[in-house]
Protein backbone atom coordinates (compact mmCIF):
# COMPACT_ATOMS: atom_id res chain seq x y z
CA MET A 1 80.49 -39.35 -43.50
CA ASN A 2 76.79 -40.24 -43.62
CA TYR A 3 77.25 -42.13 -46.89
CA GLU A 4 80.40 -43.86 -45.61
CA LEU A 5 78.51 -45.07 -42.53
CA PHE A 6 75.66 -46.14 -44.76
CA LYS A 7 77.98 -48.16 -46.98
CA SER A 8 79.65 -49.86 -44.01
CA ILE A 9 76.25 -51.14 -42.84
CA HIS A 10 74.46 -51.69 -46.15
CA ASN A 11 77.45 -53.52 -47.66
CA LEU A 12 76.87 -56.24 -45.05
CA SER A 13 73.68 -57.15 -46.90
CA GLY A 14 73.61 -59.62 -49.74
CA HIS A 15 76.13 -62.01 -48.18
CA ASN A 16 73.95 -64.01 -45.80
CA HIS A 17 70.46 -65.00 -46.87
CA ALA A 18 69.26 -65.65 -43.29
CA LEU A 19 70.48 -62.25 -42.04
CA ASP A 20 68.95 -60.48 -45.04
CA ASN A 21 65.63 -62.23 -44.39
CA LEU A 22 65.78 -61.25 -40.71
CA MET A 23 66.46 -57.60 -41.57
CA VAL A 24 63.67 -57.56 -44.15
CA PHE A 25 61.31 -59.14 -41.63
CA ILE A 26 62.19 -56.50 -39.01
CA THR A 27 62.01 -53.59 -41.43
CA ASN A 28 58.62 -54.74 -42.75
CA ASN A 29 57.03 -55.97 -39.51
CA ALA A 30 58.48 -54.08 -36.54
CA ILE A 31 55.60 -51.61 -36.55
CA TYR A 32 53.13 -54.50 -36.35
CA MET A 33 55.12 -56.03 -33.49
CA PHE A 34 54.92 -52.72 -31.61
CA ALA A 35 51.18 -52.53 -32.28
CA LEU A 36 50.68 -56.11 -31.09
CA VAL A 37 52.63 -55.48 -27.88
CA LEU A 38 50.58 -52.33 -27.20
CA LEU A 39 47.34 -54.24 -27.84
CA ILE A 40 48.36 -57.04 -25.45
CA LEU A 41 49.38 -54.52 -22.78
CA TRP A 42 46.06 -52.70 -23.26
CA ILE A 43 43.96 -55.86 -22.97
CA PHE A 44 45.75 -57.40 -20.01
CA GLY A 45 47.00 -54.26 -18.25
CA GLY A 46 45.33 -52.23 -15.57
CA LYS A 47 44.43 -48.56 -15.74
CA ALA A 48 48.03 -47.35 -15.39
CA MET A 49 49.16 -49.64 -18.21
CA LYS A 50 46.28 -48.48 -20.40
CA ARG A 51 47.38 -44.91 -19.78
CA ALA A 52 50.94 -45.82 -20.79
CA VAL A 53 49.68 -47.54 -23.96
CA LEU A 54 47.57 -44.53 -24.96
CA TYR A 55 50.46 -42.16 -24.33
CA ALA A 56 52.89 -44.38 -26.29
CA GLY A 57 50.55 -44.73 -29.26
CA GLY A 58 49.49 -41.09 -29.22
CA THR A 59 53.05 -39.84 -28.88
CA GLY A 60 54.05 -42.06 -31.80
CA LEU A 61 51.35 -40.51 -33.98
CA ILE A 62 52.39 -36.98 -33.01
CA ALA A 63 56.02 -37.79 -33.84
CA LEU A 64 54.98 -39.04 -37.29
CA VAL A 65 53.16 -35.75 -37.89
CA VAL A 66 56.40 -33.96 -36.95
CA ASN A 67 58.19 -36.15 -39.53
CA ILE A 68 55.71 -35.10 -42.21
CA LEU A 69 56.37 -31.44 -41.38
CA ILE A 70 60.14 -31.98 -41.48
CA ALA A 71 59.87 -33.71 -44.88
CA GLN A 72 57.92 -30.69 -46.21
CA ILE A 73 60.73 -28.37 -45.14
CA TYR A 74 63.76 -30.55 -45.90
CA TYR A 75 63.92 -33.18 -48.64
CA GLU A 76 66.67 -35.78 -48.47
CA PRO A 77 66.73 -38.27 -51.38
CA ARG A 78 66.87 -41.91 -50.34
CA PRO A 79 70.20 -43.71 -50.74
CA PHE A 80 68.95 -45.77 -53.69
CA VAL A 81 67.93 -42.55 -55.49
CA THR A 82 71.27 -40.81 -55.07
CA HIS A 83 73.56 -43.84 -55.40
CA HIS A 84 73.46 -46.99 -57.48
CA ILE A 85 72.77 -49.54 -54.77
CA GLN A 86 70.70 -52.71 -54.54
CA THR A 87 67.91 -52.51 -51.96
CA LEU A 88 66.52 -55.61 -50.29
CA ILE A 89 62.94 -54.41 -50.77
CA GLN A 90 61.15 -51.97 -53.05
CA HIS A 91 60.28 -48.55 -51.66
CA ALA A 92 58.88 -45.24 -52.91
CA ASN A 93 61.50 -42.57 -53.52
CA ASP A 94 59.99 -40.11 -51.04
CA SER A 95 62.05 -38.18 -48.50
CA SER A 96 64.55 -40.23 -46.55
CA PHE A 97 64.92 -37.90 -43.54
CA PRO A 98 63.80 -38.75 -40.93
CA SER A 99 62.82 -42.42 -41.09
CA ASP A 100 59.11 -42.86 -40.31
CA HIS A 101 59.53 -46.50 -39.28
CA SER A 102 62.37 -45.63 -36.91
CA THR A 103 60.55 -42.59 -35.54
CA GLY A 104 57.44 -44.62 -34.75
CA ALA A 105 59.47 -47.39 -33.12
CA PHE A 106 61.72 -45.07 -31.10
CA THR A 107 58.84 -42.88 -29.96
CA ILE A 108 56.68 -45.77 -28.75
CA ALA A 109 59.68 -47.28 -26.95
CA ILE A 110 60.75 -44.02 -25.30
CA ALA A 111 57.18 -43.05 -24.35
CA MET A 112 56.74 -46.47 -22.76
CA TRP A 113 60.16 -46.20 -21.07
CA PHE A 114 59.03 -42.99 -19.34
CA ARG A 115 56.25 -44.97 -17.66
CA TYR A 116 57.46 -48.62 -17.56
CA LYS A 117 61.20 -48.99 -17.95
CA LYS A 118 61.08 -52.81 -17.94
CA ILE A 119 58.85 -52.72 -21.01
CA GLY A 120 60.47 -49.69 -22.62
CA ILE A 121 63.99 -51.15 -22.66
CA PRO A 122 63.21 -54.23 -24.81
CA MET A 123 61.05 -52.03 -27.02
CA PHE A 124 64.00 -49.66 -27.42
CA ILE A 125 66.23 -52.57 -28.46
CA LEU A 126 63.66 -53.52 -31.11
CA ALA A 127 63.56 -49.86 -32.20
CA LEU A 128 67.36 -49.88 -32.62
CA LEU A 129 67.05 -53.04 -34.71
CA THR A 130 64.34 -51.36 -36.75
CA GLY A 131 66.58 -48.40 -37.55
CA PHE A 132 69.53 -50.67 -38.30
CA SER A 133 67.39 -52.84 -40.60
CA ARG A 134 66.30 -49.77 -42.57
CA ILE A 135 69.96 -48.99 -43.29
CA TRP A 136 70.81 -52.64 -43.96
CA ALA A 137 67.98 -52.84 -46.50
CA GLY A 138 69.27 -49.72 -48.29
CA LEU A 139 66.28 -47.52 -47.50
CA HIS A 140 67.82 -44.95 -45.14
CA TYR A 141 71.07 -43.30 -44.20
CA PRO A 142 72.32 -43.57 -40.59
CA PHE A 143 71.61 -39.87 -40.02
CA ASP A 144 67.96 -40.50 -41.01
CA VAL A 145 67.75 -42.93 -38.10
CA VAL A 146 69.59 -40.55 -35.76
CA GLY A 147 67.15 -37.82 -36.83
CA SER A 148 64.29 -40.18 -35.98
CA LEU A 149 65.77 -40.79 -32.54
CA ILE A 150 66.04 -37.03 -31.93
CA VAL A 151 62.43 -36.47 -33.03
CA ALA A 152 61.32 -39.34 -30.76
CA ILE A 153 63.20 -38.00 -27.73
CA VAL A 154 61.98 -34.42 -28.17
CA VAL A 155 58.33 -35.32 -28.85
CA SER A 156 58.23 -37.90 -26.03
CA TYR A 157 59.74 -35.41 -23.58
CA VAL A 158 57.31 -32.65 -24.58
CA ILE A 159 54.31 -34.98 -24.24
CA VAL A 160 55.48 -36.14 -20.80
CA LYS A 161 55.83 -32.52 -19.70
CA LEU A 162 52.36 -31.68 -21.10
CA SER A 163 50.68 -34.86 -19.85
CA ARG A 164 48.44 -32.89 -17.48
CA LEU A 165 46.81 -31.37 -20.55
CA PHE A 166 46.22 -34.80 -22.09
CA ASP A 167 45.25 -36.64 -18.89
CA PRO A 168 41.51 -35.76 -19.09
CA LEU A 169 41.28 -37.17 -22.64
CA VAL A 170 43.30 -40.27 -21.73
CA ASN A 171 41.17 -40.90 -18.63
CA TRP A 172 37.97 -40.39 -20.64
CA ILE A 173 39.06 -42.95 -23.28
CA ILE A 174 39.86 -45.50 -20.58
CA SER A 175 36.59 -44.90 -18.74
CA MET A 176 34.63 -45.25 -22.01
CA TYR A 177 36.43 -48.52 -22.76
CA ASP A 178 35.82 -49.81 -19.24
CA SER A 179 32.13 -48.85 -19.29
CA ILE A 180 31.55 -50.48 -22.70
CA PHE A 181 33.23 -53.72 -21.72
CA SER A 182 31.76 -53.85 -18.22
CA GLN A 183 28.27 -53.48 -19.76
CA ARG A 184 29.04 -56.25 -22.24
CA ASN A 185 30.25 -58.52 -19.45
CA LYS A 186 27.10 -57.81 -17.43
CA SER A 187 24.82 -58.53 -20.39
CA ASN A 188 26.74 -61.74 -21.19
CA LYS A 189 26.40 -62.92 -17.59
CA SER A 190 22.68 -62.09 -17.46
CA SER A 191 22.00 -63.91 -20.75
CA ARG A 192 23.64 -67.05 -19.35
CA THR A 193 21.42 -67.12 -16.25
């Protein structure tokens, strides 16, 4: 079933150059788009938004560590290793399950959704596109992406429930950032006068 679903999606590739380029762009650059959005939200957001950004980024990193642990326990060969298929991009033949790109994208989106639904929803749509593009490009099976979604949901939920433990660290990082940049602003203003 997993391979049949994979074929139904991956077989769409190779027929439309523009769609293939879009999927390759998403699969290669979605993580940078998420990072850019988080950076913009950090720079222009208030304290609550900075907290959400730190939680989203931190939760994403924790989810990727969970992926590494899963890959140590369970190895799933990538579709292009097991089957004779043409991928749209080159990739190492490491474990396919779960998808790191999809896990990072889903986790950031879900962690942000817990705090700012209006931002989390478009991020989640981009995360879905990220997972879909990984299948389209021939790098992952659908169940790899579903596994990523499950990891993202579980890790995000656990971090939300344990946020009281992380709040002191998050608040300290924000206060350090604020103190550094408020001192810089003061010194810049005094040097102008």
